[in-house]
Amino acid sequence: MIDRNDWSRYADHLIGVIDLKAGVAVHAIAGDREQYQPVSPLFDLGQPDRAEPVSRRVADGDPAALVRWYQRFGVRRFYVADLDSLTGGEIQRDAIASLLSLDGSANRWMIDVGLRDTEIEHQLDWIDSLSVPGPQVDWIIASESAISVRLIETAASRCDASSLIVGLDFRGGRFMGPDNDVVRWMSTAERCGLNRALVLDVSVVGTARVAGAVDLCRDMFGRFDGWQWVSGGGCRRPDDVDEFLDAGCDACLIASALLPRAANR
């Protein structure tokens, strides 16, 4: 298991990933959502009379337990991907609301519920009705869920632009978005007042292929000025964080590298 101290100096740059499928936190590998398995964090029993801590596994896929696991590394920012809604199903309203209620205002959240053109008004009505005092909540407008750039315009007309993050989704380096046109996607977001972006190549999620993800982030940083960047996928070691920061990122999504080895199956 990775020593938590190896990651402590990077805690402010880490965003813990919680992939939700039917209310269960699962472990993502290379975007193959049918093969995702429940995450099983470990926790010390905390018996003071034992020289060595005794650990036990919590219930497989408990999202709240996964949050607590990340917090042990100093992580206080979290990215939630609703895999049900991202694949055309209903938003996991109860599961998301439950996560947002954890620890009051101590946590910050980035949430991707698969905002999409055909459902956007209904989805935004739910966002408007979500009353969660305290925590900062940002919403992802993911390019892979969009039919046109009007998705950005509609979301920005209903939400404060400071609460929106534009998602740039790639697979094997190919942009997955309206007309496969990343320039138009980004120029629309900028015109609507957005200035934060999440760069994600699903083909490297849960893998050790960090180089491609770093190169992608560096390319986006060089092409689009004035943006804050979050990397998605591929971060495996503390040194990888340095590479992403050097490539222009402000923070990194992280999951596999912080999970118990038994969860990486």
C-alpha atoms as a PDB file:
ATOM      1  CA  MET A   1       0.000   0.000   0.000  1.00  0.00           C
ATOM      2  CA  ILE A   2       1.228   3.512  -0.784  1.00  0.00           C
ATOM      3  CA  ASP A   3       2.553   5.490   2.165  1.00  0.00           C
ATOM      4  CA  ARG A   4       0.181   8.413   2.766  1.00  0.00           C
ATOM      5  CA  ASN A   5       3.130  10.664   3.586  1.00  0.00           C
ATOM      6  CA  ASP A   6       4.344  10.355  -0.002  1.00  0.00           C
ATOM      7  CA  TRP A   7       1.293  12.332  -1.083  1.00  0.00           C
ATOM      8  CA  SER A   8       0.947  14.823   1.777  1.00  0.00           C
ATOM      9  CA  ARG A   9       2.718  17.729   0.095  1.00  0.00           C
ATOM     10  CA  TYR A  10       0.415  17.393  -2.921  1.00  0.00           C
ATOM     11  CA  ALA A  11      -2.893  17.293  -1.044  1.00  0.00           C
ATOM     12  CA  ASP A  12      -3.917  20.779  -2.204  1.00  0.00           C
ATOM     13  CA  HIS A  13      -3.521  19.665  -5.819  1.00  0.00           C
ATOM     14  CA  LEU A  14      -5.429  16.379  -5.561  1.00  0.00           C
ATOM     15  CA  ILE A  15      -9.110  15.737  -6.326  1.00  0.00           C
ATOM     16  CA  GLY A  16     -10.415  12.350  -5.237  1.00  0.00           C
ATOM     17  CA  VAL A  17     -12.548  10.524  -7.804  1.00  0.00           C
ATOM     18  CA  ILE A  18     -15.854   8.888  -6.896  1.00  0.00           C
ATOM     19  CA  ASP A  19     -17.406   6.988  -9.803  1.00  0.00           C
ATOM     20  CA  LEU A  20     -21.008   6.170  -8.891  1.00  0.00           C
ATOM     21  CA  LYS A  21     -22.910   3.307 -10.484  1.00  0.00           C
ATOM     22  CA  ALA A  22     -26.325   2.453  -9.028  1.00  0.00           C
ATOM     23  CA  GLY A  23     -25.299   4.186  -5.799  1.00  0.00           C
ATOM     24  CA  VAL A  24     -22.071   2.204  -5.514  1.00  0.00           C
ATOM     25  CA  ALA A  25     -18.562   3.655  -5.722  1.00  0.00           C
ATOM     26  CA  VAL A  26     -16.722   1.705  -8.409  1.00  0.00           C
ATOM     27  CA  HIS A  27     -13.172   1.503  -9.698  1.00  0.00           C
ATOM     28  CA  ALA A  28     -12.793   2.749 -13.279  1.00  0.00           C
ATOM     29  CA  ILE A  29     -10.412   1.209 -15.807  1.00  0.00           C
ATOM     30  CA  ALA A  30      -9.869   2.651 -19.299  1.00  0.00           C
ATOM     31  CA  GLY A  31     -13.476   3.789 -19.718  1.00  0.00           C
ATOM     32  CA  ASP A  32     -14.880   0.228 -19.909  1.00  0.00           C
ATOM     33  CA  ARG A  33     -17.860   0.964 -17.679  1.00  0.00           C
ATOM     34  CA  GLU A  34     -19.300  -2.537 -17.879  1.00  0.00           C
ATOM     35  CA  GLN A  35     -16.192  -3.888 -16.139  1.00  0.00           C
ATOM     36  CA  TYR A  36     -16.068  -1.427 -13.235  1.00  0.00           C
ATOM     37  CA  GLN A  37     -15.827  -3.128  -9.826  1.00  0.00           C
ATOM     38  CA  PRO A  38     -16.820  -1.791  -6.354  1.00  0.00           C
ATOM     39  CA  VAL A  39     -14.101   0.024  -4.420  1.00  0.00           C
ATOM     40  CA  SER A  40     -13.139  -1.474  -1.051  1.00  0.00           C
ATOM     41  CA  PRO A  41     -11.350   1.020   1.217  1.00  0.00           C
ATOM     42  CA  LEU A  42      -9.486  -0.153   4.328  1.00  0.00           C
ATOM     43  CA  PHE A  43      -9.819   1.370   7.777  1.00  0.00           C
ATOM     44  CA  ASP A  44      -7.885   0.925  10.998  1.00  0.00           C
ATOM     45  CA  LEU A  45      -9.875  -0.529  13.871  1.00  0.00           C
ATOM     46  CA  GLY A  46      -7.870   1.713  16.171  1.00  0.00           C
ATOM     47  CA  GLN A  47      -7.260  -0.747  19.005  1.00  0.00           C
ATOM     48  CA  PRO A  48      -4.854   1.046  21.388  1.00  0.00           C
ATOM     49  CA  ASP A  49      -3.552  -2.175  22.952  1.00  0.00           C
ATOM     50  CA  ARG A  50      -2.154  -3.417  19.631  1.00  0.00           C
ATOM     51  CA  ALA A  51       1.377  -2.518  18.538  1.00  0.00           C
ATOM     52  CA  GLU A  52       0.289  -2.614  14.878  1.00  0.00           C
ATOM     53  CA  PRO A  53      -3.025  -1.165  13.638  1.00  0.00           C
ATOM     54  CA  VAL A  54      -5.664  -3.691  12.713  1.00  0.00           C
ATOM     55  CA  SER A  55      -7.524  -2.977   9.485  1.00  0.00           C
ATOM     56  CA  ARG A  56     -10.826  -4.105   8.085  1.00  0.00           C
ATOM     57  CA  ARG A  57     -12.632  -3.583   4.836  1.00  0.00           C
ATOM     58  CA  VAL A  58     -15.802  -1.537   4.770  1.00  0.00           C
ATOM     59  CA  ALA A  59     -18.770  -2.544   2.676  1.00  0.00           C
ATOM     60  CA  ASP A  60     -17.824  -2.716  -0.975  1.00  0.00           C
ATOM     61  CA  GLY A  61     -18.644   0.462  -2.829  1.00  0.00           C
ATOM     62  CA  ASP A  62     -19.658   2.672   0.108  1.00  0.00           C
ATOM     63  CA  PRO A  63     -19.240   6.227  -1.308  1.00  0.00           C
ATOM     64  CA  ALA A  64     -19.049   7.882   2.118  1.00  0.00           C
ATOM     65  CA  ALA A  65     -16.332   5.447   3.189  1.00  0.00           C
ATOM     66  CA  LEU A  66     -14.386   6.283   0.042  1.00  0.00           C
ATOM     67  CA  VAL A  67     -14.579   9.988   0.894  1.00  0.00           C
ATOM     68  CA  ARG A  68     -13.204   9.249   4.365  1.00  0.00           C
ATOM     69  CA  TRP A  69     -10.437   7.166   2.808  1.00  0.00           C
ATOM     70  CA  TYR A  70      -9.361  10.058   0.579  1.00  0.00           C
ATOM     71  CA  GLN A  71      -9.488  12.438   3.525  1.00  0.00           C
ATOM     72  CA  ARG A  72      -6.803  10.355   5.233  1.00  0.00           C
ATOM     73  CA  PHE A  73      -4.453  11.588   2.515  1.00  0.00           C
ATOM     74  CA  GLY A  74      -5.462  15.194   3.139  1.00  0.00           C
ATOM     75  CA  VAL A  75      -7.766  15.324   0.109  1.00  0.00           C
ATOM     76  CA  ARG A  76     -10.723  17.694   0.546  1.00  0.00           C
ATOM     77  CA  ARG A  77     -11.827  18.099  -3.067  1.00  0.00           C
ATOM     78  CA  PHE A  78     -13.824  15.432  -4.855  1.00  0.00           C
ATOM     79  CA  TYR A  79     -14.988  14.668  -8.369  1.00  0.00           C
ATOM     80  CA  VAL A  80     -18.217  12.680  -8.672  1.00  0.00           C
ATOM     81  CA  ALA A  81     -19.090  11.016 -11.973  1.00  0.00           C
ATOM     82  CA  ASP A  82     -22.690   9.790 -12.121  1.00  0.00           C
ATOM     83  CA  LEU A  83     -22.217   6.811 -14.429  1.00  0.00           C
ATOM     84  CA  ASP A  84     -25.950   6.120 -14.521  1.00  0.00           C
ATOM     85  CA  SER A  85     -26.875   9.530 -15.914  1.00  0.00           C
ATOM     86  CA  LEU A  86     -23.753   9.644 -18.076  1.00  0.00           C
ATOM     87  CA  THR A  87     -25.042   6.561 -19.889  1.00  0.00           C
ATOM     88  CA  GLY A  88     -28.561   7.913 -20.378  1.00  0.00           C
ATOM     89  CA  GLY A  89     -30.189   6.899 -17.092  1.00  0.00           C
ATOM     90  CA  GLU A  90     -31.619   8.932 -14.249  1.00  0.00           C
ATOM     91  CA  ILE A  91     -29.453  11.126 -12.030  1.00  0.00           C
ATOM     92  CA  GLN A  92     -28.548   9.383  -8.769  1.00  0.00           C
ATOM     93  CA  ARG A  93     -30.161  12.171  -6.775  1.00  0.00           C
ATOM     94  CA  ASP A  94     -30.171  10.554  -3.345  1.00  0.00           C
ATOM     95  CA  ALA A  95     -26.591   9.300  -3.585  1.00  0.00           C
ATOM     96  CA  ILE A  96     -25.283  12.692  -4.685  1.00  0.00           C
ATOM     97  CA  ALA A  97     -27.264  14.600  -2.063  1.00  0.00           C
ATOM     98  CA  SER A  98     -25.941  12.232   0.597  1.00  0.00           C
ATOM     99  CA  LEU A  99     -22.343  12.904  -0.446  1.00  0.00           C
ATOM    100  CA  LEU A 100     -22.855  16.659  -0.476  1.00  0.00           C
ATOM    101  CA  SER A 101     -24.142  16.513   3.097  1.00  0.00           C
ATOM    102  CA  LEU A 102     -20.878  15.043   4.404  1.00  0.00           C
ATOM    103  CA  ASP A 103     -18.757  17.260   6.669  1.00  0.00           C
ATOM    104  CA  GLY A 104     -20.640  20.453   5.936  1.00  0.00           C
ATOM    105  CA  SER A 105     -18.578  23.086   4.127  1.00  0.00           C
ATOM    106  CA  ALA A 106     -15.245  21.297   4.617  1.00  0.00           C
ATOM    107  CA  ASN A 107     -15.330  19.627   1.200  1.00  0.00           C
ATOM    108  CA  ARG A 108     -15.469  20.950  -2.354  1.00  0.00           C
ATOM    109  CA  TRP A 109     -17.227  19.033  -5.106  1.00  0.00           C
ATOM    110  CA  MET A 110     -17.052  18.743  -8.878  1.00  0.00           C
ATOM    111  CA  ILE A 111     -20.020  16.785 -10.207  1.00  0.00           C
ATOM    112  CA  ASP A 112     -20.667  15.338 -13.656  1.00  0.00           C
ATOM    113  CA  VAL A 113     -24.240  14.164 -14.150  1.00  0.00           C
ATOM    114  CA  GLY A 114     -23.962  14.067 -17.916  1.00  0.00           C
ATOM    115  CA  LEU A 115     -25.663  17.372 -18.706  1.00  0.00           C
ATOM    116  CA  ARG A 116     -27.061  16.852 -22.199  1.00  0.00           C
ATOM    117  CA  ASP A 117     -29.051  18.860 -24.717  1.00  0.00           C
ATOM    118  CA  THR A 118     -32.201  16.750 -24.626  1.00  0.00           C
ATOM    119  CA  GLU A 119     -32.519  16.824 -20.825  1.00  0.00           C
ATOM    120  CA  ILE A 120     -30.763  20.048 -19.866  1.00  0.00           C
ATOM    121  CA  GLU A 121     -33.788  22.021 -18.636  1.00  0.00           C
ATOM    122  CA  HIS A 122     -34.962  19.109 -16.488  1.00  0.00           C
ATOM    123  CA  GLN A 123     -31.438  18.585 -15.149  1.00  0.00           C
ATOM    124  CA  LEU A 124     -30.974  22.277 -14.358  1.00  0.00           C
ATOM    125  CA  ASP A 125     -34.320  22.320 -12.529  1.00  0.00           C
ATOM    126  CA  TRP A 126     -32.945  19.584 -10.285  1.00  0.00           C
ATOM    127  CA  ILE A 127     -29.701  21.503  -9.731  1.00  0.00           C
ATOM    128  CA  ASP A 128     -31.712  24.611  -8.820  1.00  0.00           C
ATOM    129  CA  SER A 129     -33.760  22.594  -6.321  1.00  0.00           C
ATOM    130  CA  LEU A 130     -30.739  21.001  -4.688  1.00  0.00           C
ATOM    131  CA  SER A 131     -30.389  22.773  -1.365  1.00  0.00           C
ATOM    132  CA  VAL A 132     -27.056  21.927   0.230  1.00  0.00           C
ATOM    133  CA  PRO A 133     -25.820  24.648   2.586  1.00  0.00           C
ATOM    134  CA  GLY A 134     -22.092  25.043   2.984  1.00  0.00           C
ATOM    135  CA  PRO A 135     -20.054  23.080   0.455  1.00  0.00           C
ATOM    136  CA  GLN A 136     -18.863  24.542  -2.820  1.00  0.00           C
ATOM    137  CA  VAL A 137     -20.392  22.593  -5.701  1.00  0.00           C
ATOM    138  CA  ASP A 138     -19.271  22.923  -9.314  1.00  0.00           C
ATOM    139  CA  TRP A 139     -20.973  21.259 -12.275  1.00  0.00           C
ATOM    140  CA  ILE A 140     -19.207  19.726 -15.252  1.00  0.00           C
ATOM    141  CA  ILE A 141     -20.396  20.405 -18.792  1.00  0.00           C
ATOM    142  CA  ALA A 142     -18.811  17.372 -20.445  1.00  0.00           C
ATOM    143  CA  SER A 143     -18.167  17.497 -24.171  1.00  0.00           C
ATOM    144  CA  GLU A 144     -18.908  13.780 -24.622  1.00  0.00           C
ATOM    145  CA  SER A 145     -22.511  14.356 -23.481  1.00  0.00           C
ATOM    146  CA  ALA A 146     -23.127  17.324 -25.794  1.00  0.00           C
ATOM    147  CA  ILE A 147     -24.798  17.413 -29.183  1.00  0.00           C
ATOM    148  CA  SER A 148     -23.981  21.086 -29.751  1.00  0.00           C
ATOM    149  CA  VAL A 149     -22.279  24.038 -28.074  1.00  0.00           C
ATOM    150  CA  ARG A 150     -25.728  25.274 -27.104  1.00  0.00           C
ATOM    151  CA  LEU A 151     -25.409  23.009 -24.080  1.00  0.00           C
ATOM    152  CA  ILE A 152     -22.817  25.408 -22.672  1.00  0.00           C
ATOM    153  CA  GLU A 153     -24.958  28.429 -23.517  1.00  0.00           C
ATOM    154  CA  THR A 154     -28.040  26.969 -21.841  1.00  0.00           C
ATOM    155  CA  ALA A 155     -26.187  25.965 -18.676  1.00  0.00           C
ATOM    156  CA  ALA A 156     -24.503  29.373 -18.443  1.00  0.00           C
ATOM    157  CA  SER A 157     -27.866  31.135 -18.837  1.00  0.00           C
ATOM    158  CA  ARG A 158     -29.222  29.336 -15.772  1.00  0.00           C
ATOM    159  CA  CYS A 159     -26.153  28.919 -13.554  1.00  0.00           C
ATOM    160  CA  ASP A 160     -23.468  31.224 -12.269  1.00  0.00           C
ATOM    161  CA  ALA A 161     -20.507  30.771 -14.625  1.00  0.00           C
ATOM    162  CA  SER A 162     -18.216  30.481 -11.598  1.00  0.00           C
ATOM    163  CA  SER A 163     -19.989  27.208 -10.699  1.00  0.00           C
ATOM    164  CA  LEU A 164     -19.432  25.626 -14.120  1.00  0.00           C
ATOM    165  CA  ILE A 165     -16.440  23.684 -15.413  1.00  0.00           C
ATOM    166  CA  VAL A 166     -16.151  22.775 -19.069  1.00  0.00           C
ATOM    167  CA  GLY A 167     -15.122  19.190 -19.740  1.00  0.00           C
ATOM    168  CA  LEU A 168     -12.819  18.283 -22.621  1.00  0.00           C
ATOM    169  CA  ASP A 169     -13.262  14.569 -23.205  1.00  0.00           C
ATOM    170  CA  PHE A 170     -10.865  12.607 -25.373  1.00  0.00           C
ATOM    171  CA  ARG A 171     -10.371   8.975 -26.283  1.00  0.00           C
ATOM    172  CA  GLY A 172      -6.934   8.054 -27.507  1.00  0.00           C
ATOM    173  CA  GLY A 173      -6.204  11.721 -28.172  1.00  0.00           C
ATOM    174  CA  ARG A 174      -9.372  12.291 -30.242  1.00  0.00           C
ATOM    175  CA  PHE A 175     -11.737  14.993 -28.980  1.00  0.00           C
ATOM    176  CA  MET A 176     -15.189  13.650 -28.124  1.00  0.00           C
ATOM    177  CA  GLY A 177     -17.549  16.573 -28.547  1.00  0.00           C
ATOM    178  CA  PRO A 178     -19.781  18.466 -30.977  1.00  0.00           C
ATOM    179  CA  ASP A 179     -18.340  18.223 -34.500  1.00  0.00           C
ATOM    180  CA  ASN A 180     -15.090  17.014 -32.909  1.00  0.00           C
ATOM    181  CA  ASP A 181     -14.213  20.724 -32.754  1.00  0.00           C
ATOM    182  CA  VAL A 182     -12.367  21.512 -29.530  1.00  0.00           C
ATOM    183  CA  VAL A 183     -11.680  25.128 -30.571  1.00  0.00           C
ATOM    184  CA  ARG A 184     -15.367  25.950 -31.002  1.00  0.00           C
ATOM    185  CA  TRP A 185     -16.190  24.148 -27.757  1.00  0.00           C
ATOM    186  CA  MET A 186     -13.625  26.197 -25.834  1.00  0.00           C
ATOM    187  CA  SER A 187     -14.427  29.526 -27.510  1.00  0.00           C
ATOM    188  CA  THR A 188     -18.112  29.080 -26.629  1.00  0.00           C
ATOM    189  CA  ALA A 189     -17.240  28.336 -23.013  1.00  0.00           C
ATOM    190  CA  GLU A 190     -14.997  31.404 -22.834  1.00  0.00           C
ATOM    191  CA  ARG A 191     -17.688  33.626 -24.367  1.00  0.00           C
ATOM    192  CA  CYS A 192     -20.124  32.365 -21.699  1.00  0.00           C
ATOM    193  CA  GLY A 193     -17.754  33.369 -18.900  1.00  0.00           C
ATOM    194  CA  LEU A 194     -16.220  29.987 -18.007  1.00  0.00           C
ATOM    195  CA  ASN A 195     -12.509  29.804 -17.206  1.00  0.00           C
ATOM    196  CA  ARG A 196     -11.988  26.319 -15.754  1.00  0.00           C
ATOM    197  CA  ALA A 197     -11.592  23.102 -17.709  1.00  0.00           C
ATOM    198  CA  LEU A 198     -11.242  19.397 -16.973  1.00  0.00           C
ATOM    199  CA  VAL A 199      -9.142  17.477 -19.503  1.00  0.00           C
ATOM    200  CA  LEU A 200      -9.939  13.770 -19.531  1.00  0.00           C
ATOM    201  CA  ASP A 201      -8.797  11.023 -21.875  1.00  0.00           C
ATOM    202  CA  VAL A 202     -10.951   8.051 -20.911  1.00  0.00           C
ATOM    203  CA  SER A 203      -8.493   5.605 -22.460  1.00  0.00           C
ATOM    204  CA  VAL A 204      -5.936   6.313 -19.707  1.00  0.00           C
ATOM    205  CA  VAL A 205      -8.338   6.257 -16.736  1.00  0.00           C
ATOM    206  CA  GLY A 206      -7.204   3.642 -14.227  1.00  0.00           C
ATOM    207  CA  THR A 207      -4.068   2.847 -16.224  1.00  0.00           C
ATOM    208  CA  ALA A 208      -0.407   3.708 -15.788  1.00  0.00           C
ATOM    209  CA  ARG A 209      -0.118   5.595 -19.094  1.00  0.00           C
ATOM    210  CA  VAL A 210       0.526   9.005 -17.581  1.00  0.00           C
ATOM    211  CA  ALA A 211       2.696  10.348 -20.420  1.00  0.00           C
ATOM    212  CA  GLY A 212      -0.188  10.667 -22.870  1.00  0.00           C
ATOM    213  CA  ALA A 213      -2.362  12.448 -20.318  1.00  0.00           C
ATOM    214  CA  VAL A 214       0.444  14.885 -19.485  1.00  0.00           C
ATOM    215  CA  ASP A 215       1.067  15.629 -23.162  1.00  0.00           C
ATOM    216  CA  LEU A 216      -2.652  16.273 -23.692  1.00  0.00           C
ATOM    217  CA  CYS A 217      -2.780  18.716 -20.780  1.00  0.00           C
ATOM    218  CA  ARG A 218       0.342  20.492 -22.010  1.00  0.00           C
ATOM    219  CA  ASP A 219      -1.211  20.824 -25.463  1.00  0.00           C
ATOM    220  CA  MET A 220      -4.441  22.314 -24.107  1.00  0.00           C
ATOM    221  CA  PHE A 221      -2.537  24.684 -21.809  1.00  0.00           C
ATOM    222  CA  GLY A 222      -0.485  25.907 -24.752  1.00  0.00           C
ATOM    223  CA  ARG A 223      -3.474  26.373 -27.065  1.00  0.00           C
ATOM    224  CA  PHE A 224      -5.923  28.151 -24.758  1.00  0.00           C
ATOM    225  CA  ASP A 225      -4.803  31.077 -22.609  1.00  0.00           C
ATOM    226  CA  GLY A 226      -6.281  32.237 -19.323  1.00  0.00           C
ATOM    227  CA  TRP A 227      -7.745  28.911 -18.222  1.00  0.00           C
ATOM    228  CA  GLN A 228      -7.378  26.894 -15.041  1.00  0.00           C
ATOM    229  CA  TRP A 229      -6.823  23.222 -15.832  1.00  0.00           C
ATOM    230  CA  VAL A 230      -7.607  19.996 -14.032  1.00  0.00           C
ATOM    231  CA  SER A 231      -6.132  16.766 -15.377  1.00  0.00           C
ATOM    232  CA  GLY A 232      -8.124  13.572 -15.485  1.00  0.00           C
ATOM    233  CA  GLY A 233      -6.686  10.073 -15.345  1.00  0.00           C
ATOM    234  CA  GLY A 234      -3.265   8.455 -15.343  1.00  0.00           C
ATOM    235  CA  CYS A 235      -1.832   9.878 -12.118  1.00  0.00           C
ATOM    236  CA  ARG A 236      -0.069   7.006 -10.344  1.00  0.00           C
ATOM    237  CA  ARG A 237       2.827   8.420  -8.309  1.00  0.00           C
ATOM    238  CA  PRO A 238       3.642  11.651  -6.486  1.00  0.00           C
ATOM    239  CA  ASP A 239       6.139  12.427  -9.242  1.00  0.00           C
ATOM    240  CA  ASP A 240       3.267  12.303 -11.745  1.00  0.00           C
ATOM    241  CA  VAL A 241       1.658  15.258  -9.967  1.00  0.00           C
ATOM    242  CA  ASP A 242       4.804  17.281 -10.645  1.00  0.00           C
ATOM    243  CA  GLU A 243       4.534  16.408 -14.327  1.00  0.00           C
ATOM    244  CA  PHE A 244       0.919  17.543 -14.524  1.00  0.00           C
ATOM    245  CA  LEU A 245       1.694  20.776 -12.658  1.00  0.00           C
ATOM    246  CA  ASP A 246       4.619  21.440 -14.981  1.00  0.00           C
ATOM    247  CA  ALA A 247       2.265  20.858 -17.927  1.00  0.00           C
ATOM    248  CA  GLY A 248       0.062  23.713 -16.710  1.00  0.00           C
ATOM    249  CA  CYS A 249      -2.481  21.945 -14.512  1.00  0.00           C
ATOM    250  CA  ASP A 250      -3.672  23.361 -11.224  1.00  0.00           C
ATOM    251  CA  ALA A 251      -4.933  20.035  -9.875  1.00  0.00           C
ATOM    252  CA  CYS A 252      -5.155  16.323 -10.728  1.00  0.00           C
ATOM    253  CA  LEU A 253      -7.949  13.817 -10.479  1.00  0.00           C
ATOM    254  CA  ILE A 254      -6.710  10.797  -8.585  1.00  0.00           C
ATOM    255  CA  ALA A 255      -8.228   7.437  -7.741  1.00  0.00           C
ATOM    256  CA  SER A 256      -6.305   4.220  -8.423  1.00  0.00           C
ATOM    257  CA  ALA A 257      -3.038   5.429  -6.900  1.00  0.00           C
ATOM    258  CA  LEU A 258      -4.701   6.116  -3.550  1.00  0.00           C
ATOM    259  CA  LEU A 259      -6.829   2.992  -3.389  1.00  0.00           C
ATOM    260  CA  PRO A 260      -5.896  -0.223  -1.549  1.00  0.00           C
ATOM    261  CA  ARG A 261      -4.211  -2.727  -3.825  1.00  0.00           C
ATOM    262  CA  ALA A 262      -7.119  -5.166  -3.559  1.00  0.00           C
ATOM    263  CA  ALA A 263      -9.361  -2.532  -5.131  1.00  0.00           C
ATOM    264  CA  ASN A 264      -7.170  -2.380  -8.221  1.00  0.00           C
ATOM    265  CA  ARG A 265      -8.461  -5.595  -9.668  1.00  0.00           C
END
